Each structure stands twice: as structure tokens, then as C-alpha cells.
N, C-alpha and C. Protein backbone atom coordinates (compact mmCIF):
# COMPACT_ATOMS: atom_id res chain seq x y z
N UNK A 1 2.91 145.78 130.10
CA UNK A 1 3.82 145.86 130.30
C UNK A 1 4.87 146.90 129.24
N UNK A 2 5.23 148.17 130.09
CA UNK A 2 6.26 149.04 129.26
C UNK A 2 7.75 149.41 129.95
N UNK A 3 8.93 149.24 129.11
CA UNK A 3 9.70 149.66 129.62
C UNK A 3 10.75 150.56 129.02
N UNK A 4 11.09 151.66 129.28
CA UNK A 4 11.73 152.67 128.62
C UNK A 4 10.90 153.58 127.02
N UNK A 5 9.70 153.17 127.03
CA UNK A 5 8.71 153.71 126.16
C UNK A 5 8.37 152.65 125.22
N UNK A 6 8.52 151.38 125.50
CA UNK A 6 9.00 150.11 124.52
C UNK A 6 7.79 149.18 125.17
N UNK A 7 7.07 148.57 124.73
CA UNK A 7 5.73 147.93 124.97
C UNK A 7 5.67 146.26 124.33
N UNK A 8 5.22 145.55 125.00
CA UNK A 8 5.37 144.21 124.44
C UNK A 8 4.27 144.38 123.09
N UNK A 9 4.68 143.83 122.08
CA UNK A 9 3.83 143.77 120.69
C UNK A 9 4.11 144.90 120.07
N UNK A 10 5.10 145.91 120.18
CA UNK A 10 5.39 147.06 119.51
C UNK A 10 6.12 146.20 118.14
N UNK A 11 5.86 146.75 117.01
CA UNK A 11 6.64 146.21 115.57
C UNK A 11 7.52 147.37 115.10
N UNK A 12 8.35 146.89 114.43
CA UNK A 12 8.90 148.00 114.06
C UNK A 12 9.77 147.67 112.86
N UNK A 13 10.45 148.35 111.77
CA UNK A 13 11.24 148.05 111.00
C UNK A 13 12.68 147.65 111.13
N UNK A 14 13.41 146.78 110.73
CA UNK A 14 14.39 146.43 111.18
C UNK A 14 15.25 146.43 109.63
N UNK A 15 16.12 147.57 109.19
CA UNK A 15 16.20 147.39 107.78
C UNK A 15 15.41 148.02 106.69
N UNK A 16 15.05 147.60 105.81
CA UNK A 16 14.35 148.38 104.82
C UNK A 16 12.98 147.29 104.46
N UNK A 17 13.06 146.02 104.80
CA UNK A 17 12.22 145.27 104.43
C UNK A 17 11.52 144.24 105.60
N UNK A 18 12.17 144.16 106.45
CA UNK A 18 12.09 143.38 107.58
C UNK A 18 11.40 143.81 108.71
N UNK A 19 9.97 143.20 109.33
CA UNK A 19 9.27 143.99 110.62
C UNK A 19 9.64 142.96 111.37
N UNK A 20 9.93 143.38 112.64
CA UNK A 20 9.95 142.58 113.72
C UNK A 20 9.20 142.92 114.96
N UNK A 21 8.86 142.54 115.96
CA UNK A 21 7.93 142.51 116.87
C UNK A 21 8.68 142.50 118.84
N UNK A 22 8.54 142.89 119.67
CA UNK A 22 8.88 143.20 120.75
C UNK A 22 8.40 141.58 121.09
N UNK A 23 9.04 140.58 121.75
CA UNK A 23 8.20 139.39 122.65
C UNK A 23 8.46 139.32 123.73
N UNK A 24 9.60 139.95 124.40
CA UNK A 24 9.54 139.75 125.93
C UNK A 24 11.16 140.77 126.20
N UNK A 25 11.01 140.88 127.67
CA UNK A 25 11.98 141.82 128.00
C UNK A 25 13.08 141.06 129.41
N UNK A 26 13.84 140.97 129.27
CA UNK A 26 14.57 140.63 130.06
C UNK A 26 15.46 141.01 130.97
N UNK A 27 15.65 141.15 132.42
CA UNK A 27 16.19 141.84 133.42
C UNK A 27 17.90 141.15 133.24
N UNK A 28 18.57 142.41 133.94
CA UNK A 28 20.13 141.65 134.10
C UNK A 28 20.20 142.08 135.76
N UNK A 29 20.45 140.97 136.12
CA UNK A 29 20.44 141.03 137.49
C UNK A 29 22.33 140.30 137.93
N UNK A 30 22.64 141.27 139.01
CA UNK A 30 24.38 140.87 139.36
C UNK A 30 23.92 139.59 140.10
N UNK A 31 24.93 138.67 140.13
CA UNK A 31 25.08 137.48 140.77
C UNK A 31 25.51 137.72 141.84
N UNK A 32 26.72 138.75 142.09
CA UNK A 32 27.39 138.96 143.05
C UNK A 32 26.27 139.51 144.32
N UNK A 33 25.83 140.99 143.96
CA UNK A 33 25.02 141.46 144.60
C UNK A 33 23.72 141.61 144.78
N UNK A 34 23.44 140.82 143.71
CA UNK A 34 21.78 141.09 143.50
C UNK A 34 21.18 141.88 143.04
N UNK A 35 21.68 142.77 142.75
CA UNK A 35 20.90 143.93 142.27
C UNK A 35 20.75 144.49 140.85
N UNK A 36 19.60 144.83 140.48
CA UNK A 36 19.05 144.98 138.96
C UNK A 36 19.80 146.40 138.17
N UNK A 37 20.83 145.30 137.52
CA UNK A 37 21.58 146.25 136.40
C UNK A 37 20.72 146.66 135.47
N UNK A 38 19.75 146.54 134.64
CA UNK A 38 19.10 147.18 133.52
C UNK A 38 18.06 145.93 133.12
N UNK A 39 17.63 146.62 131.62
CA UNK A 39 16.63 145.51 130.92
C UNK A 39 17.10 145.62 129.36
N UNK A 40 16.76 144.30 128.96
CA UNK A 40 17.24 144.09 127.57
C UNK A 40 16.03 143.98 126.93
N UNK A 41 15.62 144.22 125.47
CA UNK A 41 14.50 144.13 124.94
C UNK A 41 14.76 143.14 123.73
N UNK A 42 13.91 142.17 124.09
CA UNK A 42 14.16 140.84 122.99
C UNK A 42 13.02 140.67 121.90
N UNK A 43 13.37 140.93 120.33
CA UNK A 43 12.56 140.75 119.58
C UNK A 43 12.48 139.78 118.39
N UNK A 44 11.32 139.65 117.68
CA UNK A 44 11.38 138.20 116.72
C UNK A 44 11.27 138.58 115.43
N UNK A 45 11.71 138.26 114.17
CA UNK A 45 11.65 138.59 112.99
C UNK A 45 10.70 138.06 112.50
N UNK A 46 9.14 138.97 112.02
CA UNK A 46 8.25 138.64 111.34
C UNK A 46 7.99 138.06 109.79
N UNK A 47 8.67 138.54 109.45
CA UNK A 47 8.52 138.18 107.88
C UNK A 47 9.96 137.58 106.95
N UNK A 48 10.99 136.77 107.94
CA UNK A 48 12.07 136.89 107.37
C UNK A 48 12.17 135.32 107.54
N UNK A 49 13.43 134.49 106.91
CA UNK A 49 13.68 133.08 107.15
C UNK A 49 13.78 132.76 108.50
N UNK A 50 14.72 133.45 109.30
CA UNK A 50 15.33 133.04 110.31
C UNK A 50 14.39 133.96 111.27
N UNK A 51 13.61 133.14 112.27
CA UNK A 51 12.56 133.47 113.24
C UNK A 51 13.22 133.63 114.52
N UNK A 52 14.77 133.29 115.01
CA UNK A 52 15.11 132.91 116.24
C UNK A 52 14.86 134.49 116.97
N UNK A 53 14.66 134.60 118.22
CA UNK A 53 14.67 135.87 119.03
C UNK A 53 16.03 136.30 118.97
N UNK A 54 16.24 137.78 119.44
CA UNK A 54 17.42 138.21 119.35
C UNK A 54 17.54 139.92 120.08
N UNK A 55 18.50 140.20 120.91
CA UNK A 55 18.17 141.20 121.49
C UNK A 55 18.77 142.65 120.86
N UNK A 56 17.96 144.04 120.99
CA UNK A 56 18.20 145.06 120.42
C UNK A 56 17.92 145.85 121.35
N UNK A 57 18.37 147.64 121.22
CA UNK A 57 18.48 148.54 122.00
C UNK A 57 16.98 149.08 121.80
N UNK A 58 16.61 149.60 123.10
CA UNK A 58 15.28 149.96 122.98
C UNK A 58 15.27 151.16 122.38
N UNK A 59 16.35 151.89 121.83
CA UNK A 59 16.16 153.26 121.16
C UNK A 59 16.12 152.92 119.68
N UNK A 60 16.21 151.35 119.35
CA UNK A 60 16.12 151.41 118.11
C UNK A 60 14.43 150.86 117.73
N UNK A 61 13.86 150.22 118.46
CA UNK A 61 12.44 149.89 118.57
C UNK A 61 12.00 151.50 118.25
N UNK A 62 12.12 152.57 119.46
CA UNK A 62 11.35 153.40 119.22
C UNK A 62 11.79 154.51 118.05
N UNK A 63 12.74 154.47 117.54
CA UNK A 63 12.97 155.33 116.21
C UNK A 63 12.79 154.70 114.89
N UNK A 64 12.22 153.28 115.10
CA UNK A 64 11.72 152.56 113.68
C UNK A 64 10.33 152.02 114.00
N UNK A 65 9.53 152.47 115.05
CA UNK A 65 8.59 151.92 115.37
C UNK A 65 7.36 152.14 114.20
N UNK A 66 6.26 151.20 114.05
CA UNK A 66 5.72 151.42 113.07
C UNK A 66 4.20 151.76 114.02
N UNK A 67 3.68 152.52 113.46
CA UNK A 67 2.43 153.63 114.06
C UNK A 67 1.27 153.21 113.54
N UNK A 68 -0.11 152.08 114.11
CA UNK A 68 -0.86 152.01 113.05
C UNK A 68 -2.06 152.55 113.37
N UNK A 69 -2.87 153.11 112.33
CA UNK A 69 -3.81 154.25 112.76
C UNK A 69 -5.04 153.37 112.30
């Protein structure tokens, strides 16, 4: 699955030393109208002490993506 150029499993740098991975996408749906408003990118830190999931903009993932060759 890919949304806005980001796929599940993409890895990127957060700061100088933290590596994060995209683990999920959330859909934002209006409770009043039932229409889809947008998507959120949920990531998890791979090498830090805290490993709780958090939201981050899609552009941050694309800008700091780690490309494996």
C-alpha cells in the first residue's frame, strides 16, 4: 500500500541518529458527513529507548528516506 509516495515499511532518519519505520496509515473520516478528510502516517522508532508509535507528516518521510541499494 502506498499513500502520497510513502509505503508501509519505509525507513527514514529522524534527527541525527534515530531510524524510524512506517508501520501504519490512519484514515481521518468526518463523523458528521462520513466523508474521507485525509490520511495520517504512523511511524515507530527502531533504535531509541521509547518505541511508541507517533504521527509524522508524509513529507518528512520522503525528505529523510533511507534508500537501500
